[in-house]
């Protein structure tokens, strides 16, 4: 059985999807754009990565989980030249062992952002 997760502490979905779905003890967090509570998007890739991770954290907490229970993360960036700086900011959200991860350069992301991040976590 699957259950949708919603929190006002992260941006609402901008399409026909849930912020996250819980099924079988696993939480699948949809790609999070770097939109803050006021609807603003930070300019830099690092600040956008931080905001996306804050959104993931809020969604996980609404589901009864936490960042330390993340198993896998996907990071989408429009420019891999930002990889090192984004990586440094990303690392501050996790302890060892770090989650499995993929980092991909995308031609474009919704709303013209530079970074989008999704995650899979345990409850």
PDB file of N, CA and C in Angstrom:
ATOM      1  N   UNK A   1       0.847  -1.181   0.000  1.00  0.00           N
ATOM      2  CA  UNK A   1       0.000   0.000   0.000  1.00  0.00           C
ATOM      3  C   UNK A   1       0.891   1.242   0.000  1.00  0.00           C
ATOM      4  N   UNK A   2       0.529   2.215  -0.809  1.00  0.00           N
ATOM      5  CA  UNK A   2       1.325   3.432  -0.848  1.00  0.00           C
ATOM      6  C   UNK A   2       0.551   4.588  -0.226  1.00  0.00           C
ATOM      7  N   UNK A   3       1.339   5.529   0.326  1.00  0.00           N
ATOM      8  CA  UNK A   3       0.766   6.692   0.995  1.00  0.00           C
ATOM      9  C   UNK A   3       1.513   7.931   0.512  1.00  0.00           C
ATOM     10  N   UNK A   4       0.767   8.954   0.126  1.00  0.00           N
ATOM     11  CA  UNK A   4       1.380  10.213  -0.286  1.00  0.00           C
ATOM     12  C   UNK A   4       1.785  11.039   0.925  1.00  0.00           C
ATOM     13  N   UNK A   5       2.868  11.780   0.788  1.00  0.00           N
ATOM     14  CA  UNK A   5       3.363  12.658   1.849  1.00  0.00           C
ATOM     15  C   UNK A   5       3.258  14.095   1.361  1.00  0.00           C
ATOM     16  N   UNK A   6       2.790  14.976   2.235  1.00  0.00           N
ATOM     17  CA  UNK A   6       2.725  16.399   1.931  1.00  0.00           C
ATOM     18  C   UNK A   6       3.093  17.186   3.174  1.00  0.00           C
ATOM     19  N   UNK A   7       3.915  18.195   3.007  1.00  0.00           N
ATOM     20  CA  UNK A   7       4.221  19.143   4.075  1.00  0.00           C
ATOM     21  C   UNK A   7       4.247  20.548   3.499  1.00  0.00           C
ATOM     22  N   UNK A   8       3.751  21.483   4.267  1.00  0.00           N
ATOM     23  CA  UNK A   8       3.791  22.885   3.843  1.00  0.00           C
ATOM     24  C   UNK A   8       5.197  23.461   3.996  1.00  0.00           C
ATOM     25  N   UNK A   9       6.112  22.699   4.592  1.00  0.00           N
ATOM     26  CA  UNK A   9       7.488  23.158   4.795  1.00  0.00           C
ATOM     27  C   UNK A   9       8.385  22.910   3.587  1.00  0.00           C
ATOM     28  N   UNK A  10       7.783  22.400   2.510  1.00  0.00           N
ATOM     29  CA  UNK A  10       8.490  22.201   1.243  1.00  0.00           C
ATOM     30  C   UNK A  10       7.538  22.662   0.138  1.00  0.00           C
ATOM     31  N   UNK A  11       8.078  23.007  -1.032  1.00  0.00           N
ATOM     32  CA  UNK A  11       7.198  23.501  -2.091  1.00  0.00           C
ATOM     33  C   UNK A  11       6.202  22.440  -2.553  1.00  0.00           C
ATOM     34  N   UNK A  12       5.001  22.896  -2.905  1.00  0.00           N
ATOM     35  CA  UNK A  12       3.995  21.994  -3.454  1.00  0.00           C
ATOM     36  C   UNK A  12       4.484  21.469  -4.796  1.00  0.00           C
ATOM     37  N   UNK A  13       4.005  20.288  -5.148  1.00  0.00           N
ATOM     38  CA  UNK A  13       4.324  19.724  -6.454  1.00  0.00           C
ATOM     39  C   UNK A  13       3.809  20.660  -7.542  1.00  0.00           C
ATOM     40  N   UNK A  14       4.576  20.821  -8.609  1.00  0.00           N
ATOM     41  CA  UNK A  14       4.168  21.713  -9.694  1.00  0.00           C
ATOM     42  C   UNK A  14       3.540  20.930 -10.844  1.00  0.00           C
ATOM     43  N   UNK A  15       3.220  19.685 -10.577  1.00  0.00           N
ATOM     44  CA  UNK A  15       2.604  18.827 -11.587  1.00  0.00           C
ATOM     45  C   UNK A  15       1.843  17.705 -10.910  1.00  0.00           C
ATOM     46  N   UNK A  16       1.434  16.712 -11.684  1.00  0.00           N
ATOM     47  CA  UNK A  16       0.658  15.598 -11.138  1.00  0.00           C
ATOM     48  C   UNK A  16       1.539  14.545 -10.445  1.00  0.00           C
ATOM     49  N   UNK A  17       2.142  14.939  -9.325  1.00  0.00           N
ATOM     50  CA  UNK A  17       2.958  14.020  -8.542  1.00  0.00           C
ATOM     51  C   UNK A  17       2.914  14.451  -7.086  1.00  0.00           C
ATOM     52  N   UNK A  18       3.354  13.571  -6.191  1.00  0.00           N
ATOM     53  CA  UNK A  18       3.394  13.841  -4.753  1.00  0.00           C
ATOM     54  C   UNK A  18       4.786  14.322  -4.358  1.00  0.00           C
ATOM     55  N   UNK A  19       4.864  15.036  -3.232  1.00  0.00           N
ATOM     56  CA  UNK A  19       6.183  15.399  -2.714  1.00  0.00           C
ATOM     57  C   UNK A  19       6.980  14.132  -2.432  1.00  0.00           C
ATOM     58  N   UNK A  20       6.288  13.122  -1.915  1.00  0.00           N
ATOM     59  CA  UNK A  20       6.920  11.828  -1.663  1.00  0.00           C
ATOM     60  C   UNK A  20       5.838  10.766  -1.571  1.00  0.00           C
ATOM     61  N   UNK A  21       6.264   9.526  -1.741  1.00  0.00           N
ATOM     62  CA  UNK A  21       5.399   8.357  -1.572  1.00  0.00           C
ATOM     63  C   UNK A  21       6.109   7.409  -0.615  1.00  0.00           C
ATOM     64  N   UNK A  22       5.336   6.874   0.338  1.00  0.00           N
ATOM     65  CA  UNK A  22       5.851   5.843   1.236  1.00  0.00           C
ATOM     66  C   UNK A  22       5.224   4.522   0.822  1.00  0.00           C
ATOM     67  N   UNK A  23       6.065   3.511   0.676  1.00  0.00           N
ATOM     68  CA  UNK A  23       5.592   2.171   0.348  1.00  0.00           C
ATOM     69  C   UNK A  23       6.572   1.163   0.917  1.00  0.00           C
ATOM     70  N   UNK A  24       6.038   0.193   1.649  1.00  0.00           N
ATOM     71  CA  UNK A  24       6.880  -0.892   2.158  1.00  0.00           C
ATOM     72  C   UNK A  24       8.052  -0.435   3.002  1.00  0.00           C
ATOM     73  N   UNK A  25       7.902   0.616   3.775  1.00  0.00           N
ATOM     74  CA  UNK A  25       8.981   1.079   4.644  1.00  0.00           C
ATOM     75  C   UNK A  25      10.026   1.933   3.949  1.00  0.00           C
ATOM     76  N   UNK A  26       9.767   2.296   2.691  1.00  0.00           N
ATOM     77  CA  UNK A  26      10.692   3.130   1.923  1.00  0.00           C
ATOM     78  C   UNK A  26       9.984   4.412   1.515  1.00  0.00           C
ATOM     79  N   UNK A  27      10.713   5.517   1.544  1.00  0.00           N
ATOM     80  CA  UNK A  27      10.187   6.817   1.138  1.00  0.00           C
ATOM     81  C   UNK A  27      10.882   7.220  -0.158  1.00  0.00           C
ATOM     82  N   UNK A  28      10.081   7.536  -1.153  1.00  0.00           N
ATOM     83  CA  UNK A  28      10.577   7.993  -2.442  1.00  0.00           C
ATOM     84  C   UNK A  28      10.253   9.483  -2.549  1.00  0.00           C
ATOM     85  N   UNK A  29      11.259  10.324  -2.404  1.00  0.00           N
ATOM     86  CA  UNK A  29      11.066  11.770  -2.434  1.00  0.00           C
ATOM     87  C   UNK A  29      11.241  12.250  -3.871  1.00  0.00           C
ATOM     88  N   UNK A  30      10.221  12.928  -4.379  1.00  0.00           N
ATOM     89  CA  UNK A  30      10.283  13.480  -5.734  1.00  0.00           C
ATOM     90  C   UNK A  30      11.395  14.514  -5.837  1.00  0.00           C
ATOM     91  N   UNK A  31      11.819  14.782  -7.051  1.00  0.00           N
ATOM     92  CA  UNK A  31      12.831  15.801  -7.280  1.00  0.00           C
ATOM     93  C   UNK A  31      12.408  17.119  -6.650  1.00  0.00           C
ATOM     94  N   UNK A  32      13.291  17.675  -5.838  1.00  0.00           N
ATOM     95  CA  UNK A  32      13.003  18.922  -5.132  1.00  0.00           C
ATOM     96  C   UNK A  32      13.727  20.087  -5.780  1.00  0.00           C
ATOM     97  N   UNK A  33      12.922  21.036  -6.212  1.00  0.00           N
ATOM     98  CA  UNK A  33      13.476  22.279  -6.736  1.00  0.00           C
ATOM     99  C   UNK A  33      13.875  23.158  -5.555  1.00  0.00           C
ATOM    100  N   UNK A  34      14.784  24.082  -5.759  1.00  0.00           N
ATOM    101  CA  UNK A  34      15.269  24.932  -4.670  1.00  0.00           C
ATOM    102  C   UNK A  34      14.353  26.127  -4.405  1.00  0.00           C
ATOM    103  N   UNK A  35      13.121  25.837  -4.053  1.00  0.00           N
ATOM    104  CA  UNK A  35      12.144  26.885  -3.771  1.00  0.00           C
ATOM    105  C   UNK A  35      11.969  26.975  -2.265  1.00  0.00           C
ATOM    106  N   UNK A  36      12.117  28.188  -1.698  1.00  0.00           N
ATOM    107  CA  UNK A  36      11.987  28.336  -0.254  1.00  0.00           C
ATOM    108  C   UNK A  36      10.524  28.576   0.139  1.00  0.00           C
ATOM    109  N   UNK A  37      10.278  28.759   1.425  1.00  0.00           N
ATOM    110  CA  UNK A  37       8.914  28.928   1.956  1.00  0.00           C
ATOM    111  C   UNK A  37       8.211  30.149   1.389  1.00  0.00           C
ATOM    112  N   UNK A  38       8.971  31.146   0.944  1.00  0.00           N
ATOM    113  CA  UNK A  38       8.388  32.355   0.367  1.00  0.00           C
ATOM    114  C   UNK A  38       8.218  32.248  -1.152  1.00  0.00           C
ATOM    115  N   UNK A  39       8.544  31.071  -1.697  1.00  0.00           N
ATOM    116  CA  UNK A  39       8.422  30.874  -3.138  1.00  0.00           C
ATOM    117  C   UNK A  39       9.599  31.405  -3.934  1.00  0.00           C
ATOM    118  N   UNK A  40      10.667  31.776  -3.233  1.00  0.00           N
ATOM    119  CA  UNK A  40      11.844  32.328  -3.908  1.00  0.00           C
ATOM    120  C   UNK A  40      12.849  31.231  -4.231  1.00  0.00           C
ATOM    121  N   UNK A  41      13.613  31.467  -5.284  1.00  0.00           N
ATOM    122  CA  UNK A  41      14.659  30.539  -5.715  1.00  0.00           C
ATOM    123  C   UNK A  41      15.999  31.246  -5.573  1.00  0.00           C
ATOM    124  N   UNK A  42      16.921  30.690  -4.783  1.00  0.00           N
ATOM    125  CA  UNK A  42      18.248  31.299  -4.667  1.00  0.00           C
ATOM    126  C   UNK A  42      18.950  31.303  -6.029  1.00  0.00           C
ATOM    127  N   UNK A  43      19.914  32.192  -6.203  1.00  0.00           N
ATOM    128  CA  UNK A  43      20.569  32.321  -7.506  1.00  0.00           C
ATOM    129  C   UNK A  43      21.642  31.287  -7.780  1.00  0.00           C
ATOM    130  N   UNK A  44      22.546  31.073  -6.841  1.00  0.00           N
ATOM    131  CA  UNK A  44      23.699  30.214  -7.096  1.00  0.00           C
ATOM    132  C   UNK A  44      23.397  28.737  -6.967  1.00  0.00           C
ATOM    133  N   UNK A  45      24.197  27.908  -7.648  1.00  0.00           N
ATOM    134  CA  UNK A  45      24.018  26.460  -7.615  1.00  0.00           C
ATOM    135  C   UNK A  45      24.182  25.905  -6.198  1.00  0.00           C
ATOM    136  N   UNK A  46      25.137  26.413  -5.444  1.00  0.00           N
ATOM    137  CA  UNK A  46      25.354  25.931  -4.079  1.00  0.00           C
ATOM    138  C   UNK A  46      24.140  26.242  -3.212  1.00  0.00           C
ATOM    139  N   UNK A  47      23.658  27.475  -3.282  1.00  0.00           N
ATOM    140  CA  UNK A  47      22.491  27.871  -2.488  1.00  0.00           C
ATOM    141  C   UNK A  47      21.255  27.078  -2.923  1.00  0.00           C
ATOM    142  N   UNK A  48      21.162  26.776  -4.207  1.00  0.00           N
ATOM    143  CA  UNK A  48      20.038  25.983  -4.696  1.00  0.00           C
ATOM    144  C   UNK A  48      20.127  24.543  -4.184  1.00  0.00           C
ATOM    145  N   UNK A  49      21.314  23.980  -4.171  1.00  0.00           N
ATOM    146  CA  UNK A  49      21.479  22.620  -3.641  1.00  0.00           C
ATOM    147  C   UNK A  49      21.095  22.575  -2.170  1.00  0.00           C
ATOM    148  N   UNK A  50      21.528  23.565  -1.408  1.00  0.00           N
ATOM    149  CA  UNK A  50      21.196  23.627   0.019  1.00  0.00           C
ATOM    150  C   UNK A  50      19.678  23.707   0.205  1.00  0.00           C
ATOM    151  N   UNK A  51      19.011  24.553  -0.575  1.00  0.00           N
ATOM    152  CA  UNK A  51      17.560  24.677  -0.426  1.00  0.00           C
ATOM    153  C   UNK A  51      16.849  23.387  -0.824  1.00  0.00           C
ATOM    154  N   UNK A  52      17.296  22.746  -1.883  1.00  0.00           N
ATOM    155  CA  UNK A  52      16.698  21.474  -2.289  1.00  0.00           C
ATOM    156  C   UNK A  52      16.849  20.430  -1.189  1.00  0.00           C
ATOM    157  N   UNK A  53      18.011  20.388  -0.559  1.00  0.00           N
ATOM    158  CA  UNK A  53      18.239  19.435   0.532  1.00  0.00           C
ATOM    159  C   UNK A  53      17.406  19.787   1.762  1.00  0.00           C
ATOM    160  N   UNK A  54      17.215  21.065   2.036  1.00  0.00           N
ATOM    161  CA  UNK A  54      16.331  21.473   3.137  1.00  0.00           C
ATOM    162  C   UNK A  54      14.902  21.011   2.864  1.00  0.00           C
ATOM    163  N   UNK A  55      14.476  21.096   1.611  1.00  0.00           N
ATOM    164  CA  UNK A  55      13.139  20.634   1.249  1.00  0.00           C
ATOM    165  C   UNK A  55      13.011  19.127   1.444  1.00  0.00           C
ATOM    166  N   UNK A  56      14.035  18.390   1.048  1.00  0.00           N
ATOM    167  CA  UNK A  56      14.034  16.935   1.251  1.00  0.00           C
ATOM    168  C   UNK A  56      13.961  16.619   2.735  1.00  0.00           C
ATOM    169  N   UNK A  57      14.735  17.328   3.531  1.00  0.00           N
ATOM    170  CA  UNK A  57      14.729  17.119   4.987  1.00  0.00           C
ATOM    171  C   UNK A  57      13.326  17.330   5.556  1.00  0.00           C
ATOM    172  N   UNK A  58      12.641  18.392   5.146  1.00  0.00           N
ATOM    173  CA  UNK A  58      11.287  18.676   5.638  1.00  0.00           C
ATOM    174  C   UNK A  58      10.310  17.572   5.254  1.00  0.00           C
ATOM    175  N   UNK A  59      10.435  17.079   4.028  1.00  0.00           N
ATOM    176  CA  UNK A  59       9.549  16.007   3.565  1.00  0.00           C
ATOM    177  C   UNK A  59       9.814  14.719   4.329  1.00  0.00           C
ATOM    178  N   UNK A  60      11.076  14.384   4.519  1.00  0.00           N
ATOM    179  CA  UNK A  60      11.410  13.177   5.277  1.00  0.00           C
ATOM    180  C   UNK A  60      10.881  13.267   6.707  1.00  0.00           C
ATOM    181  N   UNK A  61      11.045  14.410   7.330  1.00  0.00           N
ATOM    182  CA  UNK A  61      10.546  14.581   8.699  1.00  0.00           C
ATOM    183  C   UNK A  61       9.019  14.468   8.742  1.00  0.00           C
ATOM    184  N   UNK A  62       8.325  14.983   7.733  1.00  0.00           N
ATOM    185  CA  UNK A  62       6.864  14.860   7.676  1.00  0.00           C
ATOM    186  C   UNK A  62       6.440  13.398   7.541  1.00  0.00           C
ATOM    187  N   UNK A  63       7.300  12.582   6.932  1.00  0.00           N
ATOM    188  CA  UNK A  63       7.011  11.159   6.753  1.00  0.00           C
ATOM    189  C   UNK A  63       7.437  10.329   7.961  1.00  0.00           C
ATOM    190  N   UNK A  64       8.139  10.954   8.919  1.00  0.00           N
ATOM    191  CA  UNK A  64       8.628  10.233  10.085  1.00  0.00           C
ATOM    192  C   UNK A  64      10.017   9.663   9.911  1.00  0.00           C
ATOM    193  N   UNK A  65      10.783  10.230   9.003  1.00  0.00           N
ATOM    194  CA  UNK A  65      12.142   9.762   8.740  1.00  0.00           C
ATOM    195  C   UNK A  65      13.126  10.912   8.948  1.00  0.00           C
ATOM    196  N   UNK A  66      14.341  10.746   8.431  1.00  0.00           N
ATOM    197  CA  UNK A  66      15.367  11.779   8.596  1.00  0.00           C
ATOM    198  C   UNK A  66      16.457  11.614   7.532  1.00  0.00           C
ATOM    199  N   UNK A  67      17.296  12.610   7.442  1.00  0.00           N
ATOM    200  CA  UNK A  67      18.368  12.604   6.448  1.00  0.00           C
ATOM    201  C   UNK A  67      19.329  11.427   6.629  1.00  0.00           C
ATOM    202  N   UNK A  68      19.535  10.986   7.856  1.00  0.00           N
ATOM    203  CA  UNK A  68      20.478   9.882   8.073  1.00  0.00           C
ATOM    204  C   UNK A  68      19.925   8.536   7.609  1.00  0.00           C
ATOM    205  N   UNK A  69      18.669   8.517   7.175  1.00  0.00           N
ATOM    206  CA  UNK A  69      18.070   7.280   6.671  1.00  0.00           C
ATOM    207  C   UNK A  69      17.995   7.252   5.149  1.00  0.00           C
ATOM    208  N   UNK A  70      18.616   8.250   4.511  1.00  0.00           N
ATOM    209  CA  UNK A  70      18.637   8.278   3.049  1.00  0.00           C
ATOM    210  C   UNK A  70      19.570   7.189   2.527  1.00  0.00           C
ATOM    211  N   UNK A  71      19.069   6.447   1.545  1.00  0.00           N
ATOM    212  CA  UNK A  71      19.839   5.376   0.923  1.00  0.00           C
ATOM    213  C   UNK A  71      20.499   5.821  -0.378  1.00  0.00           C
ATOM    214  N   UNK A  72      19.761   6.597  -1.175  1.00  0.00           N
ATOM    215  CA  UNK A  72      20.259   7.008  -2.486  1.00  0.00           C
ATOM    216  C   UNK A  72      19.750   8.400  -2.824  1.00  0.00           C
ATOM    217  N   UNK A  73      20.602   9.161  -3.479  1.00  0.00           N
ATOM    218  CA  UNK A  73      20.287  10.525  -3.893  1.00  0.00           C
ATOM    219  C   UNK A  73      20.651  10.674  -5.372  1.00  0.00           C
ATOM    220  N   UNK A  74      19.831  11.431  -6.089  1.00  0.00           N
ATOM    221  CA  UNK A  74      20.166  11.831  -7.459  1.00  0.00           C
ATOM    222  C   UNK A  74      20.260  13.355  -7.475  1.00  0.00           C
ATOM    223  N   UNK A  75      21.368  13.857  -7.994  1.00  0.00           N
ATOM    224  CA  UNK A  75      21.586  15.299  -8.088  1.00  0.00           C
ATOM    225  C   UNK A  75      21.653  15.655  -9.571  1.00  0.00           C
ATOM    226  N   UNK A  76      20.776  16.555  -9.977  1.00  0.00           N
ATOM    227  CA  UNK A  76      20.743  17.023 -11.356  1.00  0.00           C
ATOM    228  C   UNK A  76      21.221  18.466 -11.367  1.00  0.00           C
ATOM    229  N   UNK A  77      22.196  18.759 -12.220  1.00  0.00           N
ATOM    230  CA  UNK A  77      22.743  20.116 -12.336  1.00  0.00           C
ATOM    231  C   UNK A  77      22.775  20.512 -13.807  1.00  0.00           C
ATOM    232  N   UNK A  78      22.560  21.772 -14.074  1.00  0.00           N
ATOM    233  CA  UNK A  78      22.636  22.225 -15.462  1.00  0.00           C
ATOM    234  C   UNK A  78      24.076  22.487 -15.901  1.00  0.00           C
ATOM    235  N   UNK A  79      25.016  22.496 -14.944  1.00  0.00           N
ATOM    236  CA  UNK A  79      26.420  22.721 -15.287  1.00  0.00           C
ATOM    237  C   UNK A  79      27.308  21.963 -14.306  1.00  0.00           C
ATOM    238  N   UNK A  80      27.974  20.933 -14.793  1.00  0.00           N
ATOM    239  CA  UNK A  80      28.842  20.143 -13.910  1.00  0.00           C
ATOM    240  C   UNK A  80      30.072  20.918 -13.441  1.00  0.00           C
ATOM    241  N   UNK A  81      30.283  22.117 -13.935  1.00  0.00           N
ATOM    242  CA  UNK A  81      31.349  22.963 -13.401  1.00  0.00           C
ATOM    243  C   UNK A  81      31.056  23.320 -11.943  1.00  0.00           C
ATOM    244  N   UNK A  82      29.782  23.211 -11.536  1.00  0.00           N
ATOM    245  CA  UNK A  82      29.382  23.488 -10.153  1.00  0.00           C
ATOM    246  C   UNK A  82      29.549  22.270  -9.244  1.00  0.00           C
ATOM    247  N   UNK A  83      29.980  21.144  -9.809  1.00  0.00           N
ATOM    248  CA  UNK A  83      30.027  19.877  -9.081  1.00  0.00           C
ATOM    249  C   UNK A  83      30.803  19.959  -7.761  1.00  0.00           C
ATOM    250  N   UNK A  84      31.992  20.492  -7.763  1.00  0.00           N
ATOM    251  CA  UNK A  84      32.829  20.513  -6.552  1.00  0.00           C
ATOM    252  C   UNK A  84      32.186  21.361  -5.466  1.00  0.00           C
ATOM    253  N   UNK A  85      31.722  22.539  -5.804  1.00  0.00           N
ATOM    254  CA  UNK A  85      31.105  23.427  -4.815  1.00  0.00           C
ATOM    255  C   UNK A  85      29.795  22.833  -4.283  1.00  0.00           C
ATOM    256  N   UNK A  86      28.996  22.273  -5.164  1.00  0.00           N
ATOM    257  CA  UNK A  86      27.742  21.639  -4.737  1.00  0.00           C
ATOM    258  C   UNK A  86      28.059  20.440  -3.851  1.00  0.00           C
ATOM    259  N   UNK A  87      29.072  19.687  -4.210  1.00  0.00           N
ATOM    260  CA  UNK A  87      29.482  18.511  -3.430  1.00  0.00           C
ATOM    261  C   UNK A  87      29.855  18.902  -1.992  1.00  0.00           C
ATOM    262  N   UNK A  88      30.564  20.000  -1.846  1.00  0.00           N
ATOM    263  CA  UNK A  88      30.959  20.449  -0.510  1.00  0.00           C
ATOM    264  C   UNK A  88      29.744  20.815   0.332  1.00  0.00           C
ATOM    265  N   UNK A  89      28.785  21.507  -0.244  1.00  0.00           N
ATOM    266  CA  UNK A  89      27.556  21.859   0.479  1.00  0.00           C
ATOM    267  C   UNK A  89      26.744  20.608   0.783  1.00  0.00           C
ATOM    268  N   UNK A  90      26.635  19.719  -0.190  1.00  0.00           N
ATOM    269  CA  UNK A  90      25.901  18.454  -0.052  1.00  0.00           C
ATOM    270  C   UNK A  90      26.437  17.652   1.143  1.00  0.00           C
ATOM    271  N   UNK A  91      27.740  17.563   1.262  1.00  0.00           N
ATOM    272  CA  UNK A  91      28.370  16.748   2.312  1.00  0.00           C
ATOM    273  C   UNK A  91      27.988  17.204   3.716  1.00  0.00           C
ATOM    274  N   UNK A  92      27.645  18.477   3.888  1.00  0.00           N
ATOM    275  CA  UNK A  92      27.297  18.979   5.226  1.00  0.00           C
ATOM    276  C   UNK A  92      25.954  18.448   5.718  1.00  0.00           C
ATOM    277  N   UNK A  93      25.158  17.849   4.844  1.00  0.00           N
ATOM    278  CA  UNK A  93      23.851  17.315   5.225  1.00  0.00           C
ATOM    279  C   UNK A  93      23.901  15.846   5.641  1.00  0.00           C
ATOM    280  N   UNK A  94      25.063  15.196   5.470  1.00  0.00           N
ATOM    281  CA  UNK A  94      25.145  13.754   5.688  1.00  0.00           C
ATOM    282  C   UNK A  94      26.331  13.374   6.560  1.00  0.00           C
ATOM    283  N   UNK A  95      26.152  12.260   7.269  1.00  0.00           N
ATOM    284  CA  UNK A  95      27.248  11.639   7.997  1.00  0.00           C
ATOM    285  C   UNK A  95      27.651  10.373   7.260  1.00  0.00           C
ATOM    286  N   UNK A  96      28.733   9.778   7.702  1.00  0.00           N
ATOM    287  CA  UNK A  96      29.199   8.541   7.073  1.00  0.00           C
ATOM    288  C   UNK A  96      28.435   7.358   7.645  1.00  0.00           C
ATOM    289  N   UNK A  97      28.124   6.377   6.874  1.00  0.00           N
ATOM    290  CA  UNK A  97      28.408   6.302   5.445  1.00  0.00           C
ATOM    291  C   UNK A  97      27.458   7.193   4.647  1.00  0.00           C
ATOM    292  N   UNK A  98      28.014   7.854   3.642  1.00  0.00           N
ATOM    293  CA  UNK A  98      27.197   8.696   2.781  1.00  0.00           C
ATOM    294  C   UNK A  98      26.244   7.822   1.970  1.00  0.00           C
ATOM    295  N   UNK A  99      25.100   8.381   1.570  1.00  0.00           N
ATOM    296  CA  UNK A  99      24.197   7.606   0.712  1.00  0.00           C
ATOM    297  C   UNK A  99      24.828   7.324  -0.648  1.00  0.00           C
ATOM    298  N   UNK A 100      24.331   6.312  -1.321  1.00  0.00           N
ATOM    299  CA  UNK A 100      24.713   6.104  -2.718  1.00  0.00           C
ATOM    300  C   UNK A 100      24.213   7.327  -3.484  1.00  0.00           C
ATOM    301  N   UNK A 101      24.867   7.664  -4.604  1.00  0.00           N
ATOM    302  CA  UNK A 101      24.473   8.894  -5.295  1.00  0.00           C
ATOM    303  C   UNK A 101      24.854   8.857  -6.762  1.00  0.00           C
ATOM    304  N   UNK A 102      24.085   9.579  -7.531  1.00  0.00           N
ATOM    305  CA  UNK A 102      24.420   9.851  -8.918  1.00  0.00           C
ATOM    306  C   UNK A 102      24.340  11.365  -9.106  1.00  0.00           C
ATOM    307  N   UNK A 103      25.243  11.913  -9.903  1.00  0.00           N
ATOM    308  CA  UNK A 103      25.214  13.335 -10.242  1.00  0.00           C
ATOM    309  C   UNK A 103      25.218  13.426 -11.761  1.00  0.00           C
ATOM    310  N   UNK A 104      24.225  14.133 -12.297  1.00  0.00           N
ATOM    311  CA  UNK A 104      24.011  14.171 -13.731  1.00  0.00           C
ATOM    312  C   UNK A 104      23.887  15.615 -14.194  1.00  0.00           C
ATOM    313  N   UNK A 105      24.481  15.912 -15.351  1.00  0.00           N
ATOM    314  CA  UNK A 105      24.242  17.222 -15.960  1.00  0.00           C
ATOM    315  C   UNK A 105      22.999  17.099 -16.830  1.00  0.00           C
ATOM    316  N   UNK A 106      22.060  18.015 -16.626  1.00  0.00           N
ATOM    317  CA  UNK A 106      20.822  18.052 -17.403  1.00  0.00           C
ATOM    318  C   UNK A 106      20.838  19.296 -18.287  1.00  0.00           C
ATOM    319  N   UNK A 107      20.281  19.186 -19.469  1.00  0.00           N
ATOM    320  CA  UNK A 107      20.235  20.325 -20.386  1.00  0.00           C
ATOM    321  C   UNK A 107      19.424  21.474 -19.803  1.00  0.00           C
ATOM    322  N   UNK A 108      18.353  21.134 -19.096  1.00  0.00           N
ATOM    323  CA  UNK A 108      17.500  22.154 -18.481  1.00  0.00           C
ATOM    324  C   UNK A 108      16.715  21.507 -17.354  1.00  0.00           C
ATOM    325  N   UNK A 109      16.309  22.321 -16.386  1.00  0.00           N
ATOM    326  CA  UNK A 109      15.498  21.861 -15.265  1.00  0.00           C
ATOM    327  C   UNK A 109      14.283  22.780 -15.135  1.00  0.00           C
ATOM    328  N   UNK A 110      13.206  22.301 -14.495  1.00  0.00           N
ATOM    329  CA  UNK A 110      12.006  23.123 -14.358  1.00  0.00           C
ATOM    330  C   UNK A 110      12.301  24.480 -13.705  1.00  0.00           C
ATOM    331  N   UNK A 111      11.552  25.463 -14.112  1.00  0.00           N
ATOM    332  CA  UNK A 111      11.636  26.839 -13.595  1.00  0.00           C
ATOM    333  C   UNK A 111      13.010  27.469 -13.780  1.00  0.00           C
ATOM    334  N   UNK A 112      13.822  26.904 -14.660  1.00  0.00           N
ATOM    335  CA  UNK A 112      15.130  27.476 -14.952  1.00  0.00           C
ATOM    336  C   UNK A 112      16.149  27.331 -13.842  1.00  0.00           C
ATOM    337  N   UNK A 113      15.914  26.402 -12.888  1.00  0.00           N
ATOM    338  CA  UNK A 113      16.856  26.236 -11.785  1.00  0.00           C
ATOM    339  C   UNK A 113      18.132  25.557 -12.266  1.00  0.00           C
ATOM    340  N   UNK A 114      19.155  25.640 -11.422  1.00  0.00           N
ATOM    341  CA  UNK A 114      20.449  25.031 -11.738  1.00  0.00           C
ATOM    342  C   UNK A 114      20.608  23.651 -11.101  1.00  0.00           C
ATOM    343  N   UNK A 115      19.783  23.364 -10.055  1.00  0.00           N
ATOM    344  CA  UNK A 115      19.929  22.129  -9.292  1.00  0.00           C
ATOM    345  C   UNK A 115      18.548  21.575  -8.938  1.00  0.00           C
ATOM    346  N   UNK A 116      18.410  20.257  -9.037  1.00  0.00           N
ATOM    347  CA  UNK A 116      17.240  19.541  -8.538  1.00  0.00           C
ATOM    348  C   UNK A 116      17.755  18.259  -7.909  1.00  0.00           C
ATOM    349  N   UNK A 117      17.174  17.866  -6.767  1.00  0.00           N
ATOM    350  CA  UNK A 117      17.665  16.693  -6.044  1.00  0.00           C
ATOM    351  C   UNK A 117      16.482  15.839  -5.617  1.00  0.00           C
ATOM    352  N   UNK A 118      16.616  14.509  -5.797  1.00  0.00           N
ATOM    353  CA  UNK A 118      15.612  13.586  -5.256  1.00  0.00           C
ATOM    354  C   UNK A 118      16.310  12.601  -4.320  1.00  0.00           C
ATOM    355  N   UNK A 119      15.511  11.807  -3.608  1.00  0.00           N
ATOM    356  CA  UNK A 119      16.104  10.879  -2.638  1.00  0.00           C
ATOM    357  C   UNK A 119      15.203   9.683  -2.402  1.00  0.00           C
ATOM    358  N   UNK A 120      15.816   8.608  -1.965  1.00  0.00           N
ATOM    359  CA  UNK A 120      15.125   7.406  -1.498  1.00  0.00           C
ATOM    360  C   UNK A 120      15.635   7.137  -0.093  1.00  0.00           C
ATOM    361  N   UNK A 121      14.712   6.949   0.848  1.00  0.00           N
ATOM    362  CA  UNK A 121      15.103   6.765   2.256  1.00  0.00           C
ATOM    363  C   UNK A 121      14.273   5.673   2.920  1.00  0.00           C
ATOM    364  N   UNK A 122      14.768   5.186   4.052  1.00  0.00           N
ATOM    365  CA  UNK A 122      14.018   4.269   4.891  1.00  0.00           C
ATOM    366  C   UNK A 122      13.140   5.089   5.829  1.00  0.00           C
ATOM    367  N   UNK A 123      12.062   4.472   6.272  1.00  0.00           N
ATOM    368  CA  UNK A 123      11.228   5.119   7.284  1.00  0.00           C
ATOM    369  C   UNK A 123      11.949   5.174   8.608  1.00  0.00           C
TER     370      UNK A 123
END
